[in-house]
């Protein structure tokens, strides 16, 4: 069974889904996307789309920033996603990428009076960061873009040039990931992840006004820490030097899960090993994202490909 895409309002083989080279979004980054986990439960023969409704709500908010109008509700987007998975034939963990874009073949720098379109593709789940061994990071020389430049609260395609510059700089200097600061010098986030520190036994993470994406995994971790471990999260500006004195540190993200940070700027974080709170949150998250925890049932969209009748 070939991979499929939902493209131009229909399902088709991925190999047939093509964009013209004059598409406006290709030239100016006028598009937005999201990333959604589809976790396969082989015991029950079903997928758990983790917090898929929250992902699509955020994507529709990103569309509003870019003056896009999609003709789909959150429930309709969930249904399209489940049908695409059923058609594609996957029986393993997958990564789902919906993307809305300015589709006019028009070389005009603007957002208004242009056509909008939307597609969804699905692929096997990528290995983005090593969540078992941990990662080594550097503070990037590239600063995070400010909200009044390109709003980081939207997953806007053009913004990710900022992330790509930081990520490549980190890799070429022998690190696994970058940590970006704001223009004012506060910690913002990784190239594609939110960041948490453990200080005094409590979680600390940058606030929305320090140019972060309001991550769904970030929110999940904050709720799990409070509900299951009794640990509060403080949202406040984080100084660069606090990275060097933190007891623990980790990234969160859809593709990254909870990734322990063991070293920053060639300084060990804490003991230089995965900390107790980080490990406890990793264990909780691994259990919850499979859709088997009734108290978090509102996070789950469960479906069996066999029941789709395709």
Protein backbone atom coordinates (compact mmCIF):
# COMPACT_ATOMS: atom_id res chain seq x y z
CA UNK A 1 0.00 0.00 0.00
CA UNK A 2 1.66 3.31 -1.07
CA UNK A 3 1.89 6.34 1.24
CA UNK A 4 -1.06 8.68 0.74
CA UNK A 5 -1.59 12.40 1.16
CA UNK A 6 -4.69 14.53 1.57
CA UNK A 7 -4.08 17.22 -1.04
CA UNK A 8 -6.34 19.53 -3.06
CA UNK A 9 -9.32 18.29 -1.00
CA UNK A 10 -8.84 14.62 -1.93
CA UNK A 11 -6.81 11.56 -0.97
CA UNK A 12 -4.13 10.54 -3.44
CA UNK A 13 -0.79 8.68 -3.54
CA UNK A 14 1.90 10.86 -2.05
CA UNK A 15 3.90 10.62 -5.29
CA UNK A 16 1.12 12.48 -7.12
CA UNK A 17 0.89 15.42 -4.69
CA UNK A 18 2.85 18.21 -6.36
CA UNK A 19 3.14 22.00 -6.01
CA UNK A 20 3.90 24.45 -8.81
CA UNK A 21 7.18 26.33 -8.63
CA UNK A 22 5.35 29.69 -8.62
CA UNK A 23 3.37 28.86 -5.48
CA UNK A 24 3.48 31.99 -3.31
CA UNK A 25 4.23 30.12 -0.07
CA UNK A 26 7.33 28.53 -1.59
CA UNK A 27 8.84 31.95 -2.25
CA UNK A 28 7.85 33.80 0.94
CA UNK A 29 7.28 31.21 3.68
CA UNK A 30 3.59 32.14 3.94
CA UNK A 31 2.48 28.83 5.40
CA UNK A 32 1.95 27.24 8.78
CA UNK A 33 2.08 23.65 9.97
CA UNK A 34 1.81 21.39 12.94
CA UNK A 35 3.21 18.04 14.02
CA UNK A 36 1.01 15.34 15.53
CA UNK A 37 1.90 11.99 17.08
CA UNK A 38 0.04 8.87 16.04
CA UNK A 39 1.01 6.17 18.53
CA UNK A 40 0.27 2.59 17.47
CA UNK A 41 -1.06 0.17 20.12
CA UNK A 42 -0.43 -3.31 18.71
CA UNK A 43 -2.29 -4.99 21.58
CA UNK A 44 -5.55 -3.21 20.76
CA UNK A 45 -4.92 -2.69 17.05
CA UNK A 46 -5.53 1.04 17.19
CA UNK A 47 -3.89 4.43 16.92
CA UNK A 48 -3.89 7.06 19.61
CA UNK A 49 -3.63 10.52 18.08
CA UNK A 50 -2.21 12.38 21.05
CA UNK A 51 -3.90 15.72 21.77
CA UNK A 52 -4.77 16.00 18.08
CA UNK A 53 -7.63 18.43 18.75
CA UNK A 54 -5.25 20.78 20.58
CA UNK A 55 -2.81 20.59 17.68
CA UNK A 56 -5.51 21.50 15.18
CA UNK A 57 -6.84 24.31 17.37
CA UNK A 58 -3.32 25.76 17.44
CA UNK A 59 -2.98 25.35 13.69
CA UNK A 60 -6.22 27.23 13.07
CA UNK A 61 -4.87 30.02 15.30
CA UNK A 62 -1.71 30.10 13.17
CA UNK A 63 -3.93 30.39 10.10
CA UNK A 64 -5.63 33.43 11.61
CA UNK A 65 -2.25 35.12 12.03
CA UNK A 66 -1.55 34.55 8.31
CA UNK A 67 -5.07 35.59 7.20
CA UNK A 68 -5.93 32.09 6.04
CA UNK A 69 -9.38 30.54 6.00
CA UNK A 70 -9.58 26.75 6.03
CA UNK A 71 -12.98 25.19 5.28
CA UNK A 72 -12.63 22.59 8.04
CA UNK A 73 -13.57 22.37 11.71
CA UNK A 74 -11.31 20.71 14.28
CA UNK A 75 -13.51 17.59 14.19
CA UNK A 76 -13.36 17.46 10.39
CA UNK A 77 -9.57 17.75 10.48
CA UNK A 78 -9.40 14.86 12.96
CA UNK A 79 -11.60 12.75 10.69
CA UNK A 80 -9.48 13.53 7.62
CA UNK A 81 -6.37 12.57 9.56
CA UNK A 82 -7.74 9.23 10.72
CA UNK A 83 -8.91 8.37 7.19
CA UNK A 84 -5.49 9.25 5.78
CA UNK A 85 -3.84 6.92 8.31
CA UNK A 86 -6.25 4.13 7.44
CA UNK A 87 -5.55 4.54 3.72
CA UNK A 88 -1.77 4.63 4.22
CA UNK A 89 -1.68 1.26 5.93
CA UNK A 90 0.75 2.08 8.75
CA UNK A 91 0.82 -0.18 11.81
CA UNK A 92 3.53 1.62 13.75
CA UNK A 93 4.13 5.01 15.39
CA UNK A 94 3.75 7.81 12.87
CA UNK A 95 4.32 11.53 12.53
CA UNK A 96 1.52 13.54 10.93
CA UNK A 97 2.26 16.85 9.21
CA UNK A 98 -0.69 19.11 8.30
CA UNK A 99 0.26 22.29 6.47
CA UNK A 100 -1.79 25.29 5.29
CA UNK A 101 -0.31 27.61 2.71
CA UNK A 102 -0.88 30.49 0.32
CA UNK A 103 -1.46 28.53 -2.87
CA UNK A 104 -1.81 31.25 -5.52
CA UNK A 105 0.86 31.12 -8.21
CA UNK A 106 1.58 34.77 -7.67
CA UNK A 107 4.92 36.39 -6.85
CA UNK A 108 3.41 39.02 -4.56
CA UNK A 109 4.63 39.85 -1.06
CA UNK A 110 1.35 39.99 0.85
CA UNK A 111 -1.18 37.89 2.73
CA UNK A 112 -4.45 39.27 1.35
CA UNK A 113 -6.24 38.42 -1.91
CA UNK A 114 -4.47 35.08 -2.25
CA UNK A 115 -5.88 31.55 -2.34
CA UNK A 116 -5.36 29.23 0.62
CA UNK A 117 -4.92 25.46 0.50
CA UNK A 118 -4.14 22.66 2.90
CA UNK A 119 -2.59 19.20 2.91
CA UNK A 120 -1.75 16.40 5.33
CA UNK A 121 1.08 13.90 4.96
CA UNK A 122 2.09 11.06 7.25
CA UNK A 123 5.42 9.29 7.75
CA UNK A 124 7.05 6.89 10.17
CA UNK A 125 8.07 8.59 13.38
CA UNK A 126 11.50 10.29 13.10
CA UNK A 127 14.31 10.01 15.63
CA UNK A 128 14.95 13.66 16.39
CA UNK A 129 16.88 13.68 19.67
CA UNK A 130 18.29 10.87 21.80
CA UNK A 131 15.82 10.64 24.68
CA UNK A 132 17.63 7.73 26.31
CA UNK A 133 21.24 8.92 26.35
CA UNK A 134 20.53 12.66 26.53
CA UNK A 135 21.84 15.54 24.45
CA UNK A 136 24.65 18.08 24.44
CA UNK A 137 23.68 21.69 23.75
CA UNK A 138 25.17 25.08 23.09
CA UNK A 139 23.71 28.54 23.44
CA UNK A 140 23.34 29.75 19.87
CA UNK A 141 24.77 32.98 18.49
CA UNK A 142 21.41 33.32 16.68
CA UNK A 143 18.64 34.96 18.73
CA UNK A 144 15.00 33.91 18.68
CA UNK A 145 12.80 36.06 16.44
CA UNK A 146 10.54 38.48 18.35
CA UNK A 147 6.75 38.23 18.29
CA UNK A 148 6.45 41.58 16.48
CA UNK A 149 8.74 40.24 13.72
CA UNK A 150 7.32 36.76 13.06
CA UNK A 151 5.03 35.49 15.86
CA UNK A 152 6.65 32.36 17.39
CA UNK A 153 3.30 31.33 18.90
CA UNK A 154 2.35 30.24 15.37
CA UNK A 155 4.20 27.42 13.63
CA UNK A 156 4.88 29.67 10.65
CA UNK A 157 7.11 28.14 8.00
CA UNK A 158 9.20 31.24 7.33
CA UNK A 159 10.12 31.47 11.02
CA UNK A 160 11.94 28.14 10.88
CA UNK A 161 14.87 29.61 8.96
CA UNK A 162 15.78 31.05 12.37
CA UNK A 163 15.69 27.51 13.83
CA UNK A 164 17.61 26.01 10.91
CA UNK A 165 20.46 28.50 11.29
CA UNK A 166 20.76 27.72 15.00
CA UNK A 167 20.51 23.94 14.54
CA UNK A 168 23.18 23.78 11.83
CA UNK A 169 25.49 26.01 13.85
CA UNK A 170 25.14 23.63 16.82
CA UNK A 171 25.74 20.48 14.78
CA UNK A 172 28.74 21.92 12.96
CA UNK A 173 30.28 22.80 16.31
CA UNK A 174 29.89 19.29 17.68
CA UNK A 175 26.65 19.67 19.67
CA UNK A 176 23.29 17.94 19.31
CA UNK A 177 21.02 20.95 19.69
CA UNK A 178 20.93 24.71 20.13
CA UNK A 179 19.35 26.88 22.80
CA UNK A 180 18.24 30.28 21.54
CA UNK A 181 18.06 33.45 23.61
CA UNK A 182 15.69 36.37 23.19
CA UNK A 183 16.93 39.75 21.96
CA UNK A 184 17.06 40.73 25.65
CA UNK A 185 19.28 37.76 26.56
CA UNK A 186 16.73 35.50 28.26
CA UNK A 187 16.43 31.81 27.45
CA UNK A 188 13.72 31.19 24.85
CA UNK A 189 13.71 27.60 23.51
CA UNK A 190 15.57 25.06 21.39
CA UNK A 191 15.50 25.04 17.61
CA UNK A 192 12.27 23.06 17.72
CA UNK A 193 11.56 22.34 21.38
CA UNK A 194 10.52 24.03 24.60
CA UNK A 195 12.97 23.91 27.48
CA UNK A 196 12.60 23.19 31.22
CA UNK A 197 15.03 23.54 34.10
CA UNK A 198 14.85 21.98 37.55
CA UNK A 199 15.91 24.41 40.28
CA UNK A 200 15.22 23.82 43.95
CA UNK A 201 13.15 20.77 43.11
CA UNK A 202 10.69 22.80 41.02
CA UNK A 203 10.27 23.16 37.28
CA UNK A 204 11.17 26.43 35.61
CA UNK A 205 10.33 27.29 32.01
CA UNK A 206 10.33 30.48 29.91
CA UNK A 207 7.00 32.34 29.64
CA UNK A 208 4.97 33.01 26.51
CA UNK A 209 6.33 36.57 26.21
CA UNK A 210 9.89 35.28 25.73
CA UNK A 211 9.03 34.29 22.16
CA UNK A 212 8.27 30.62 22.64
CA UNK A 213 5.88 28.30 20.88
CA UNK A 214 3.15 27.40 23.36
CA UNK A 215 4.00 23.74 23.05
CA UNK A 216 1.43 21.01 23.59
CA UNK A 217 4.03 18.62 25.00
CA UNK A 218 5.14 21.52 27.23
CA UNK A 219 1.60 21.84 28.56
CA UNK A 220 1.33 18.07 28.98
CA UNK A 221 4.52 17.97 31.07
CA UNK A 222 3.36 20.83 33.29
CA UNK A 223 0.06 19.04 33.98
CA UNK A 224 1.72 15.66 34.61
CA UNK A 225 4.28 17.22 36.95
CA UNK A 226 1.52 18.88 38.99
CA UNK A 227 -1.05 16.05 38.97
CA UNK A 228 1.23 13.02 39.29
CA UNK A 229 4.36 14.30 41.04
CA UNK A 230 3.02 17.29 42.97
CA UNK A 231 5.62 19.55 41.34
CA UNK A 232 4.69 23.09 40.35
CA UNK A 233 6.06 24.83 37.27
CA UNK A 234 7.17 28.45 37.43
CA UNK A 235 6.87 30.41 34.19
CA UNK A 236 9.25 33.35 34.29
CA UNK A 237 12.22 34.81 32.38
CA UNK A 238 15.24 32.51 32.61
CA UNK A 239 18.78 33.91 32.63
CA UNK A 240 21.48 32.22 30.55
CA UNK A 241 23.57 31.58 33.68
CA UNK A 242 20.69 29.61 35.22
CA UNK A 243 21.29 26.98 32.55
CA UNK A 244 24.72 26.40 34.08
CA UNK A 245 23.51 25.98 37.68
CA UNK A 246 20.33 23.98 37.02
CA UNK A 247 19.96 20.63 38.77
CA UNK A 248 18.36 19.14 35.67
CA UNK A 249 17.34 20.35 32.24
CA UNK A 250 15.30 18.88 29.39
CA UNK A 251 13.58 19.66 26.11
CA UNK A 252 9.96 18.87 25.26
CA UNK A 253 8.30 18.57 21.85
CA UNK A 254 6.15 16.34 19.68
CA UNK A 255 9.14 14.89 17.83
CA UNK A 256 11.47 15.11 20.84
CA UNK A 257 9.21 13.75 23.61
CA UNK A 258 11.14 14.58 26.80
CA UNK A 259 14.83 14.79 25.91
CA UNK A 260 17.28 15.14 28.82
CA UNK A 261 19.98 17.78 28.42
CA UNK A 262 23.22 16.55 29.99
CA UNK A 263 25.59 19.33 28.95
CA UNK A 264 25.33 23.00 27.97
CA UNK A 265 28.29 24.94 26.57
CA UNK A 266 30.58 22.09 27.66
CA UNK A 267 29.37 22.38 31.26
CA UNK A 268 27.61 19.33 32.79
CA UNK A 269 24.01 19.88 33.86
CA UNK A 270 23.75 18.75 37.48
CA UNK A 271 25.57 15.43 37.76
CA UNK A 272 25.84 15.16 33.99
CA UNK A 273 23.33 12.29 34.05
CA UNK A 274 19.57 12.05 33.58
CA UNK A 275 17.97 13.48 36.73
CA UNK A 276 15.26 11.91 38.88
CA UNK A 277 12.51 14.38 37.95
CA UNK A 278 13.32 14.16 34.25
CA UNK A 279 13.28 10.35 34.39
CA UNK A 280 9.97 10.31 36.28
CA UNK A 281 8.37 12.62 33.72
CA UNK A 282 9.71 10.50 30.85
CA UNK A 283 8.09 7.41 32.37
CA UNK A 284 4.77 9.18 32.92
CA UNK A 285 4.74 10.63 29.42
CA UNK A 286 5.51 7.25 27.83
CA UNK A 287 2.48 5.76 29.60
CA UNK A 288 0.09 8.60 28.90
CA UNK A 289 0.75 9.06 25.19
CA UNK A 290 -0.40 5.50 24.39
CA UNK A 291 -3.99 6.34 25.29
CA UNK A 292 -4.27 3.95 28.22
CA UNK A 293 -4.71 6.43 31.08
CA UNK A 294 -8.46 7.06 31.65
CA UNK A 295 -7.98 10.24 33.67
CA UNK A 296 -6.49 11.90 30.59
CA UNK A 297 -9.06 10.56 28.14
CA UNK A 298 -9.75 14.06 26.77
CA UNK A 299 -6.21 13.99 25.31
CA UNK A 300 -6.90 10.92 23.18
CA UNK A 301 -8.40 10.39 19.74
CA UNK A 302 -8.54 6.61 19.38
CA UNK A 303 -9.41 4.74 16.21
CA UNK A 304 -8.84 1.40 14.55
CA UNK A 305 -7.82 1.39 10.86
CA UNK A 306 -9.74 -1.87 10.44
CA UNK A 307 -13.00 -0.13 11.32
CA UNK A 308 -12.56 2.48 8.57
CA UNK A 309 -13.92 0.11 5.94
CA UNK A 310 -11.56 1.34 3.20
